Amino acid sequence: MSSGKGPLADAVSGAGQWFGFTGSDTTYVKRVIGLPGDHVQCCDAGGHLTVNGQALEEPYLYPGDVPSLQKFDVVVPESRLWLMGDHRSR
């Protein structure tokens, strides 16, 4: 999104937000999918995310979205959380 201050100012502002140096007016809401030590994987034969081998039912997904467009297989590190949004195609 443009601030109207010019391309260089927009680029610097965007970089500052990306690296967490500055804030943003955008609010992101995410769901906690995995806790430290959980094995989170996409996707099983039925197309579901799994957490510790159990398929995760996600009725909250935005209509038409799939659990993930990318395959992954991760154990959530200590002191971390695995978060995902409901509108995964965006």
C-alpha atoms as a PDB file:
ATOM      1  CA  MET A   1       0.000   0.000   0.000  1.00  0.00           C
ATOM      2  CA  SER A   2       1.320   3.413  -0.941  1.00  0.00           C
ATOM      3  CA  SER A   3       1.744   6.115   1.684  1.00  0.00           C
ATOM      4  CA  GLY A   4       1.792   8.855  -0.926  1.00  0.00           C
ATOM      5  CA  LYS A   5       5.273   9.944   0.180  1.00  0.00           C
ATOM      6  CA  GLY A   6       7.059   8.462  -2.835  1.00  0.00           C
ATOM      7  CA  PRO A   7       8.511   5.106  -3.823  1.00  0.00           C
ATOM      8  CA  LEU A   8      11.672   5.377  -1.714  1.00  0.00           C
ATOM      9  CA  ALA A   9       9.742   6.285   1.458  1.00  0.00           C
ATOM     10  CA  ASP A  10       7.261   3.465   0.763  1.00  0.00           C
ATOM     11  CA  ALA A  11      10.123   0.992   0.284  1.00  0.00           C
ATOM     12  CA  VAL A  12      11.858   2.049   3.521  1.00  0.00           C
ATOM     13  CA  SER A  13       8.566   1.889   5.432  1.00  0.00           C
ATOM     14  CA  GLY A  14       7.776  -1.550   4.013  1.00  0.00           C
ATOM     15  CA  ALA A  15      11.233  -2.864   4.895  1.00  0.00           C
ATOM     16  CA  GLY A  16      10.928  -1.512   8.443  1.00  0.00           C
ATOM     17  CA  GLN A  17       7.591  -3.292   8.872  1.00  0.00           C
ATOM     18  CA  TRP A  18       8.921  -6.519   7.329  1.00  0.00           C
ATOM     19  CA  PHE A  19      11.845  -6.663   9.752  1.00  0.00           C
ATOM     20  CA  GLY A  20       9.691  -5.611  12.729  1.00  0.00           C
ATOM     21  CA  PHE A  21      11.354  -2.236  13.299  1.00  0.00           C
ATOM     22  CA  THR A  22       8.166  -0.241  12.733  1.00  0.00           C
ATOM     23  CA  GLY A  23       4.491  -0.901  13.213  1.00  0.00           C
ATOM     24  CA  SER A  24       1.675  -1.188  10.738  1.00  0.00           C
ATOM     25  CA  ASP A  25      -1.980  -0.204  10.633  1.00  0.00           C
ATOM     26  CA  THR A  26      -2.811  -3.712   9.389  1.00  0.00           C
ATOM     27  CA  THR A  27      -4.129  -6.244  11.888  1.00  0.00           C
ATOM     28  CA  TYR A  28      -3.578  -9.939  11.216  1.00  0.00           C
ATOM     29  CA  VAL A  29      -5.590 -12.585  13.044  1.00  0.00           C
ATOM     30  CA  LYS A  30      -4.095 -16.084  13.124  1.00  0.00           C
ATOM     31  CA  ARG A  31      -5.024 -19.365  14.759  1.00  0.00           C
ATOM     32  CA  VAL A  32      -2.603 -21.422  16.819  1.00  0.00           C
ATOM     33  CA  ILE A  33      -2.254 -24.727  14.969  1.00  0.00           C
ATOM     34  CA  GLY A  34       0.735 -26.191  16.827  1.00  0.00           C
ATOM     35  CA  LEU A  35       2.435 -25.797  20.197  1.00  0.00           C
ATOM     36  CA  PRO A  36       6.108 -26.431  21.016  1.00  0.00           C
ATOM     37  CA  GLY A  37       6.975 -30.057  20.228  1.00  0.00           C
ATOM     38  CA  ASP A  38       3.910 -30.646  18.009  1.00  0.00           C
ATOM     39  CA  HIS A  39       4.448 -32.338  14.638  1.00  0.00           C
ATOM     40  CA  VAL A  40       2.487 -30.304  12.049  1.00  0.00           C
ATOM     41  CA  GLN A  41       2.215 -31.612   8.516  1.00  0.00           C
ATOM     42  CA  CYS A  42       0.412 -30.797   5.284  1.00  0.00           C
ATOM     43  CA  CYS A  43      -1.324 -32.690   4.135  1.00  0.00           C
ATOM     44  CA  ASP A  44      -2.677 -36.207   4.671  1.00  0.00           C
ATOM     45  CA  ALA A  45      -4.334 -38.331   1.958  1.00  0.00           C
ATOM     46  CA  GLY A  46      -7.637 -36.581   2.665  1.00  0.00           C
ATOM     47  CA  GLY A  47      -6.100 -33.136   2.158  1.00  0.00           C
ATOM     48  CA  HIS A  48      -6.152 -32.149   5.858  1.00  0.00           C
ATOM     49  CA  LEU A  49      -3.443 -30.650   8.036  1.00  0.00           C
ATOM     50  CA  THR A  50      -2.324 -33.079  10.705  1.00  0.00           C
ATOM     51  CA  VAL A  51      -1.090 -32.319  14.199  1.00  0.00           C
ATOM     52  CA  ASN A  52       0.709 -35.213  15.879  1.00  0.00           C
ATOM     53  CA  GLY A  53      -0.788 -37.562  13.278  1.00  0.00           C
ATOM     54  CA  GLN A  54      -4.390 -36.463  13.844  1.00  0.00           C
ATOM     55  CA  ALA A  55      -6.313 -34.810  11.003  1.00  0.00           C
ATOM     56  CA  LEU A  56      -7.359 -31.268  11.849  1.00  0.00           C
ATOM     57  CA  GLU A  57     -10.915 -30.290  10.906  1.00  0.00           C
ATOM     58  CA  GLU A  58     -10.951 -26.616   9.932  1.00  0.00           C
ATOM     59  CA  PRO A  59     -14.543 -25.456   9.323  1.00  0.00           C
ATOM     60  CA  TYR A  60     -13.358 -21.854   9.738  1.00  0.00           C
ATOM     61  CA  LEU A  61     -11.331 -21.822   6.489  1.00  0.00           C
ATOM     62  CA  TYR A  62     -12.400 -19.171   4.013  1.00  0.00           C
ATOM     63  CA  PRO A  63     -14.802 -20.746   1.469  1.00  0.00           C
ATOM     64  CA  GLY A  64     -12.864 -22.299  -1.399  1.00  0.00           C
ATOM     65  CA  ASP A  65      -9.504 -22.243   0.394  1.00  0.00           C
ATOM     66  CA  VAL A  66      -7.498 -25.402   1.005  1.00  0.00           C
ATOM     67  CA  PRO A  67      -5.473 -26.038   4.187  1.00  0.00           C
ATOM     68  CA  SER A  68      -2.235 -25.114   2.383  1.00  0.00           C
ATOM     69  CA  LEU A  69      -0.894 -24.707  -1.139  1.00  0.00           C
ATOM     70  CA  GLN A  70       2.550 -25.742   0.131  1.00  0.00           C
ATOM     71  CA  LYS A  71       3.545 -29.099   1.555  1.00  0.00           C
ATOM     72  CA  PHE A  72       5.363 -28.948   4.899  1.00  0.00           C
ATOM     73  CA  ASP A  73       6.422 -31.268   7.689  1.00  0.00           C
ATOM     74  CA  VAL A  74       7.711 -29.542  10.814  1.00  0.00           C
ATOM     75  CA  VAL A  75       8.162 -30.074  14.534  1.00  0.00           C
ATOM     76  CA  VAL A  76       7.389 -26.772  16.265  1.00  0.00           C
ATOM     77  CA  PRO A  77      10.542 -25.624  18.114  1.00  0.00           C
ATOM     78  CA  GLU A  78      10.543 -24.848  21.825  1.00  0.00           C
ATOM     79  CA  SER A  79       9.338 -21.321  22.651  1.00  0.00           C
ATOM     80  CA  ARG A  80       7.540 -21.098  19.268  1.00  0.00           C
ATOM     81  CA  LEU A  81       3.989 -21.500  17.957  1.00  0.00           C
ATOM     82  CA  TRP A  82       2.752 -22.582  14.516  1.00  0.00           C
ATOM     83  CA  LEU A  83       0.161 -20.039  13.341  1.00  0.00           C
ATOM     84  CA  MET A  84      -2.016 -20.007  10.228  1.00  0.00           C
ATOM     85  CA  GLY A  85      -4.738 -17.681   9.002  1.00  0.00           C
ATOM     86  CA  ASP A  86      -8.209 -18.658   7.857  1.00  0.00           C
ATOM     87  CA  HIS A  87      -7.860 -17.119   4.370  1.00  0.00           C
ATOM     88  CA  ARG A  88      -4.911 -19.250   3.218  1.00  0.00           C
ATOM     89  CA  SER A  89      -5.055 -18.297  -0.456  1.00  0.00           C
ATOM     90  CA  ARG A  90      -4.091 -14.699   0.403  1.00  0.00           C
END
